């Protein structure tokens, strides 16, 4: 199934719940073995990140080539911005809906 899901992908995001770190090992292993570039996104709940990116890197035993970022996917605001969907720049909306050519 994973092979079908990533066909044609240029990269992947592994969303990691730091409360259940062991659950992400199969995904991390898959992307490491496949050679597909990936980024680890640390899911913070209630604005709290219990572990630093380096602690997670060590726990997952991944090299420095895989970026680790902190995210809050449940947050309704992006980087403190209160801009609504309809106020996004036109190019962002167009790219999202496939109206711009990929180069």
N, C-alpha and C. Protein backbone atom coordinates (compact mmCIF):
# COMPACT_ATOMS: atom_id res chain seq x y z
N UNK A 1 0.81 -1.19 0.00
CA UNK A 1 0.00 0.00 0.00
C UNK A 1 0.86 1.26 0.00
N UNK A 2 1.90 1.30 0.84
CA UNK A 2 2.74 2.49 0.92
C UNK A 2 3.34 2.83 -0.44
N UNK A 3 3.77 1.82 -1.17
CA UNK A 3 4.38 2.07 -2.47
C UNK A 3 3.40 2.77 -3.40
N UNK A 4 2.14 2.37 -3.37
CA UNK A 4 1.12 3.01 -4.20
C UNK A 4 0.87 4.45 -3.75
N UNK A 5 0.90 4.70 -2.46
CA UNK A 5 0.63 6.04 -1.94
C UNK A 5 1.71 7.05 -2.30
N UNK A 6 2.95 6.60 -2.38
CA UNK A 6 4.05 7.55 -2.62
C UNK A 6 4.50 7.60 -4.07
N UNK A 7 3.87 6.85 -4.94
CA UNK A 7 4.27 6.87 -6.35
C UNK A 7 4.15 8.29 -6.88
N UNK A 8 5.26 8.82 -7.40
CA UNK A 8 5.30 10.16 -7.96
C UNK A 8 5.55 11.26 -6.94
N UNK A 9 5.65 10.92 -5.67
CA UNK A 9 5.88 11.93 -4.63
C UNK A 9 7.31 12.44 -4.68
N UNK A 10 7.49 13.69 -4.32
CA UNK A 10 8.84 14.25 -4.25
C UNK A 10 9.34 14.31 -2.81
N UNK A 11 8.48 13.97 -1.87
CA UNK A 11 8.84 13.97 -0.47
C UNK A 11 7.65 13.61 0.39
N UNK A 12 7.90 13.49 1.68
CA UNK A 12 6.83 13.09 2.60
C UNK A 12 6.97 13.84 3.92
N UNK A 13 5.85 13.94 4.61
CA UNK A 13 5.82 14.51 5.96
C UNK A 13 5.34 13.41 6.90
N UNK A 14 6.14 13.14 7.92
CA UNK A 14 5.75 12.16 8.94
C UNK A 14 5.31 12.97 10.15
N UNK A 15 4.00 12.98 10.41
CA UNK A 15 3.45 13.70 11.55
C UNK A 15 3.61 12.83 12.78
N UNK A 16 4.39 13.31 13.73
CA UNK A 16 4.75 12.52 14.91
C UNK A 16 4.02 13.05 16.14
N UNK A 17 3.28 12.17 16.77
CA UNK A 17 2.64 12.47 18.05
C UNK A 17 3.64 12.07 19.12
N UNK A 18 4.21 13.05 19.81
CA UNK A 18 5.26 12.74 20.78
C UNK A 18 4.74 11.96 21.98
N UNK A 19 3.41 11.88 22.12
CA UNK A 19 2.85 11.05 23.20
C UNK A 19 2.84 9.58 22.81
N UNK A 20 2.97 9.31 21.50
CA UNK A 20 2.95 7.92 21.00
C UNK A 20 4.07 7.76 19.97
N UNK A 21 5.28 8.04 20.38
CA UNK A 21 6.43 8.05 19.49
C UNK A 21 6.64 6.72 18.77
N UNK A 22 6.41 5.63 19.45
CA UNK A 22 6.65 4.31 18.86
C UNK A 22 5.78 4.05 17.64
N UNK A 23 4.63 4.71 17.56
CA UNK A 23 3.72 4.49 16.43
C UNK A 23 4.26 5.00 15.10
N UNK A 24 5.25 5.88 15.13
CA UNK A 24 5.76 6.44 13.88
C UNK A 24 6.95 5.66 13.31
N UNK A 25 7.46 4.69 14.05
CA UNK A 25 8.62 3.95 13.56
C UNK A 25 8.40 3.29 12.20
N UNK A 26 7.26 2.65 11.94
CA UNK A 26 7.07 2.04 10.61
C UNK A 26 7.15 3.06 9.47
N UNK A 27 6.59 4.24 9.66
CA UNK A 27 6.63 5.26 8.61
C UNK A 27 8.06 5.77 8.41
N UNK A 28 8.76 6.05 9.50
CA UNK A 28 10.14 6.52 9.40
C UNK A 28 11.00 5.46 8.72
N UNK A 29 10.85 4.22 9.13
CA UNK A 29 11.62 3.13 8.51
C UNK A 29 11.33 3.03 7.02
N UNK A 30 10.06 3.13 6.65
CA UNK A 30 9.69 3.03 5.24
C UNK A 30 10.39 4.11 4.42
N UNK A 31 10.30 5.35 4.86
CA UNK A 31 10.88 6.44 4.08
C UNK A 31 12.40 6.40 4.07
N UNK A 32 13.01 5.98 5.17
CA UNK A 32 14.46 5.83 5.17
C UNK A 32 14.89 4.77 4.16
N UNK A 33 14.18 3.65 4.14
CA UNK A 33 14.54 2.55 3.24
C UNK A 33 14.20 2.84 1.78
N UNK A 34 13.18 3.66 1.54
CA UNK A 34 12.77 3.95 0.17
C UNK A 34 13.64 5.00 -0.50
N UNK A 35 14.32 5.81 0.29
CA UNK A 35 15.14 6.88 -0.26
C UNK A 35 14.35 8.14 -0.55
N UNK A 36 13.05 8.13 -0.28
CA UNK A 36 12.22 9.32 -0.49
C UNK A 36 12.51 10.33 0.61
N UNK A 37 12.84 11.56 0.26
CA UNK A 37 13.10 12.57 1.30
C UNK A 37 11.86 12.76 2.18
N UNK A 38 12.09 12.99 3.46
CA UNK A 38 10.97 13.21 4.37
C UNK A 38 11.37 14.19 5.44
N UNK A 39 10.35 14.78 6.04
CA UNK A 39 10.53 15.69 7.15
C UNK A 39 9.69 15.16 8.31
N UNK A 40 10.22 15.30 9.51
CA UNK A 40 9.48 14.93 10.72
C UNK A 40 8.78 16.17 11.23
N UNK A 41 7.48 16.10 11.41
CA UNK A 41 6.69 17.21 11.95
C UNK A 41 6.22 16.81 13.34
N UNK A 42 6.74 17.50 14.35
CA UNK A 42 6.38 17.19 15.75
C UNK A 42 5.08 17.88 16.10
N UNK A 43 4.10 17.09 16.42
CA UNK A 43 2.78 17.59 16.74
C UNK A 43 2.73 18.05 18.20
N UNK A 44 2.54 19.35 18.38
CA UNK A 44 2.43 19.89 19.73
C UNK A 44 0.97 20.01 20.12
N UNK A 45 0.63 19.53 21.29
CA UNK A 45 -0.74 19.62 21.78
C UNK A 45 -0.82 20.72 22.81
N UNK A 46 -1.83 21.56 22.65
CA UNK A 46 -2.03 22.69 23.56
C UNK A 46 -0.78 23.57 23.65
N UNK A 47 -0.08 23.68 22.53
CA UNK A 47 1.12 24.53 22.49
C UNK A 47 2.30 23.97 23.26
N UNK A 48 2.24 22.73 23.65
CA UNK A 48 3.30 22.12 24.46
C UNK A 48 4.08 21.09 23.67
N UNK A 49 5.38 21.25 23.63
CA UNK A 49 6.27 20.28 23.00
C UNK A 49 7.10 19.65 24.12
N UNK A 50 6.80 18.41 24.51
CA UNK A 50 7.52 17.81 25.64
C UNK A 50 8.97 17.46 25.34
N UNK A 51 9.33 17.33 24.06
CA UNK A 51 10.69 16.96 23.70
C UNK A 51 11.25 17.93 22.68
N UNK A 52 12.54 18.11 22.73
CA UNK A 52 13.20 18.96 21.73
C UNK A 52 13.36 18.15 20.45
N UNK A 53 13.55 18.83 19.32
CA UNK A 53 13.79 18.09 18.07
C UNK A 53 14.98 17.14 18.17
N UNK A 54 16.02 17.54 18.87
CA UNK A 54 17.19 16.66 18.99
C UNK A 54 16.89 15.42 19.82
N UNK A 55 16.05 15.55 20.84
CA UNK A 55 15.65 14.37 21.62
C UNK A 55 14.85 13.41 20.76
N UNK A 56 13.98 13.95 19.91
CA UNK A 56 13.18 13.10 19.02
C UNK A 56 14.08 12.45 17.97
N UNK A 57 15.03 13.22 17.43
CA UNK A 57 15.97 12.66 16.45
C UNK A 57 16.72 11.47 17.04
N UNK A 58 17.16 11.62 18.27
CA UNK A 58 17.88 10.54 18.95
C UNK A 58 16.96 9.34 19.20
N UNK A 59 15.75 9.59 19.64
CA UNK A 59 14.80 8.51 19.93
C UNK A 59 14.44 7.74 18.66
N UNK A 60 14.28 8.47 17.53
CA UNK A 60 13.92 7.82 16.27
C UNK A 60 15.13 7.27 15.52
N UNK A 61 16.31 7.63 16.02
CA UNK A 61 17.57 7.20 15.41
C UNK A 61 17.63 7.57 13.93
N UNK A 62 17.35 8.85 13.66
CA UNK A 62 17.45 9.34 12.30
C UNK A 62 18.62 10.31 12.19
N UNK A 63 19.18 10.38 11.00
CA UNK A 63 20.34 11.23 10.77
C UNK A 63 19.99 12.70 10.66
N UNK A 64 21.02 13.52 10.54
CA UNK A 64 20.81 14.96 10.47
C UNK A 64 20.21 15.44 9.14
N UNK A 65 20.14 14.57 8.15
CA UNK A 65 19.61 14.96 6.85
C UNK A 65 18.08 15.07 6.84
N UNK A 66 17.40 14.51 7.83
CA UNK A 66 15.93 14.60 7.91
C UNK A 66 15.57 15.79 8.79
N UNK A 67 14.97 16.83 8.20
CA UNK A 67 14.59 17.99 9.01
C UNK A 67 13.49 17.63 10.01
N UNK A 68 13.53 18.30 11.16
CA UNK A 68 12.49 18.14 12.18
C UNK A 68 11.93 19.53 12.46
N UNK A 69 10.61 19.64 12.32
CA UNK A 69 9.96 20.92 12.56
C UNK A 69 8.87 20.73 13.62
N UNK A 70 8.55 21.79 14.33
CA UNK A 70 7.45 21.76 15.31
C UNK A 70 6.21 22.30 14.62
N UNK A 71 5.09 21.61 14.80
CA UNK A 71 3.83 22.04 14.20
C UNK A 71 2.71 21.98 15.22
N UNK A 72 1.65 22.71 14.92
CA UNK A 72 0.43 22.67 15.73
C UNK A 72 -0.72 22.55 14.73
N UNK A 73 -0.96 21.35 14.19
CA UNK A 73 -1.95 21.20 13.13
C UNK A 73 -3.38 21.52 13.55
N UNK A 74 -3.66 21.55 14.82
CA UNK A 74 -5.02 21.88 15.26
C UNK A 74 -5.22 23.38 15.38
N UNK A 75 -4.14 24.15 15.33
CA UNK A 75 -4.25 25.60 15.47
C UNK A 75 -4.97 26.18 14.26
N UNK A 76 -5.89 27.07 14.51
CA UNK A 76 -6.64 27.69 13.42
C UNK A 76 -5.89 28.84 12.79
N UNK A 77 -4.86 29.33 13.46
CA UNK A 77 -4.08 30.43 12.92
C UNK A 77 -2.73 29.91 12.47
N UNK A 78 -2.20 30.52 11.44
CA UNK A 78 -0.91 30.14 10.89
C UNK A 78 0.10 31.20 11.26
N UNK A 79 1.06 30.84 12.07
CA UNK A 79 2.13 31.75 12.49
C UNK A 79 1.57 33.04 13.08
N UNK A 80 0.52 32.94 13.86
CA UNK A 80 -0.04 34.11 14.51
C UNK A 80 -0.90 34.97 13.60
N UNK A 81 -1.07 34.56 12.38
CA UNK A 81 -1.86 35.34 11.44
C UNK A 81 -3.33 34.99 11.58
N UNK A 82 -4.19 35.97 11.42
CA UNK A 82 -5.61 35.70 11.47
C UNK A 82 -6.24 35.79 10.08
N UNK A 83 -5.38 35.71 9.04
CA UNK A 83 -5.90 35.79 7.68
C UNK A 83 -6.78 34.59 7.38
N UNK A 84 -7.89 34.84 6.75
CA UNK A 84 -8.79 33.75 6.41
C UNK A 84 -8.37 33.11 5.10
N UNK A 85 -8.98 31.97 4.79
CA UNK A 85 -8.68 31.27 3.55
C UNK A 85 -8.86 32.15 2.33
N UNK A 86 -9.94 32.88 2.30
CA UNK A 86 -10.22 33.66 1.10
C UNK A 86 -9.26 34.82 0.93
N UNK A 87 -8.52 35.17 1.96
CA UNK A 87 -7.56 36.26 1.85
C UNK A 87 -6.15 35.79 1.54
N UNK A 88 -5.98 34.50 1.31
CA UNK A 88 -4.66 34.01 0.94
C UNK A 88 -4.25 34.61 -0.40
N UNK A 89 -2.96 34.71 -0.61
CA UNK A 89 -2.53 35.20 -1.92
C UNK A 89 -3.08 34.32 -3.04
N UNK A 90 -3.42 34.95 -4.14
CA UNK A 90 -4.04 34.24 -5.26
C UNK A 90 -3.18 33.08 -5.76
N UNK A 91 -1.86 33.26 -5.80
CA UNK A 91 -0.99 32.19 -6.30
C UNK A 91 -1.05 30.95 -5.43
N UNK A 92 -1.18 31.14 -4.11
CA UNK A 92 -1.27 30.00 -3.20
C UNK A 92 -2.55 29.22 -3.46
N UNK A 93 -3.67 29.95 -3.60
CA UNK A 93 -4.94 29.28 -3.88
C UNK A 93 -4.90 28.58 -5.23
N UNK A 94 -4.33 29.24 -6.23
CA UNK A 94 -4.26 28.66 -7.57
C UNK A 94 -3.40 27.40 -7.58
N UNK A 95 -2.27 27.43 -6.87
CA UNK A 95 -1.40 26.25 -6.82
C UNK A 95 -2.10 25.10 -6.12
N UNK A 96 -2.83 25.42 -5.08
CA UNK A 96 -3.52 24.37 -4.33
C UNK A 96 -4.54 23.64 -5.19
N UNK A 97 -5.19 24.35 -6.07
CA UNK A 97 -6.22 23.75 -6.91
C UNK A 97 -5.72 23.39 -8.30
N UNK A 98 -4.40 23.33 -8.46
CA UNK A 98 -3.82 22.86 -9.71
C UNK A 98 -3.99 23.79 -10.89
N UNK A 99 -4.08 25.08 -10.64
CA UNK A 99 -4.27 26.02 -11.73
C UNK A 99 -2.97 26.66 -12.18
N UNK A 100 -1.86 26.28 -11.58
CA UNK A 100 -0.55 26.77 -12.00
C UNK A 100 0.27 25.59 -12.51
N UNK A 101 1.06 25.80 -13.55
CA UNK A 101 1.90 24.69 -14.03
C UNK A 101 3.00 24.39 -13.02
N UNK A 102 3.31 23.14 -12.87
CA UNK A 102 4.44 22.75 -12.01
C UNK A 102 5.71 22.84 -12.83
N UNK A 103 6.73 23.39 -12.26
CA UNK A 103 8.00 23.48 -13.02
C UNK A 103 9.09 22.75 -12.29
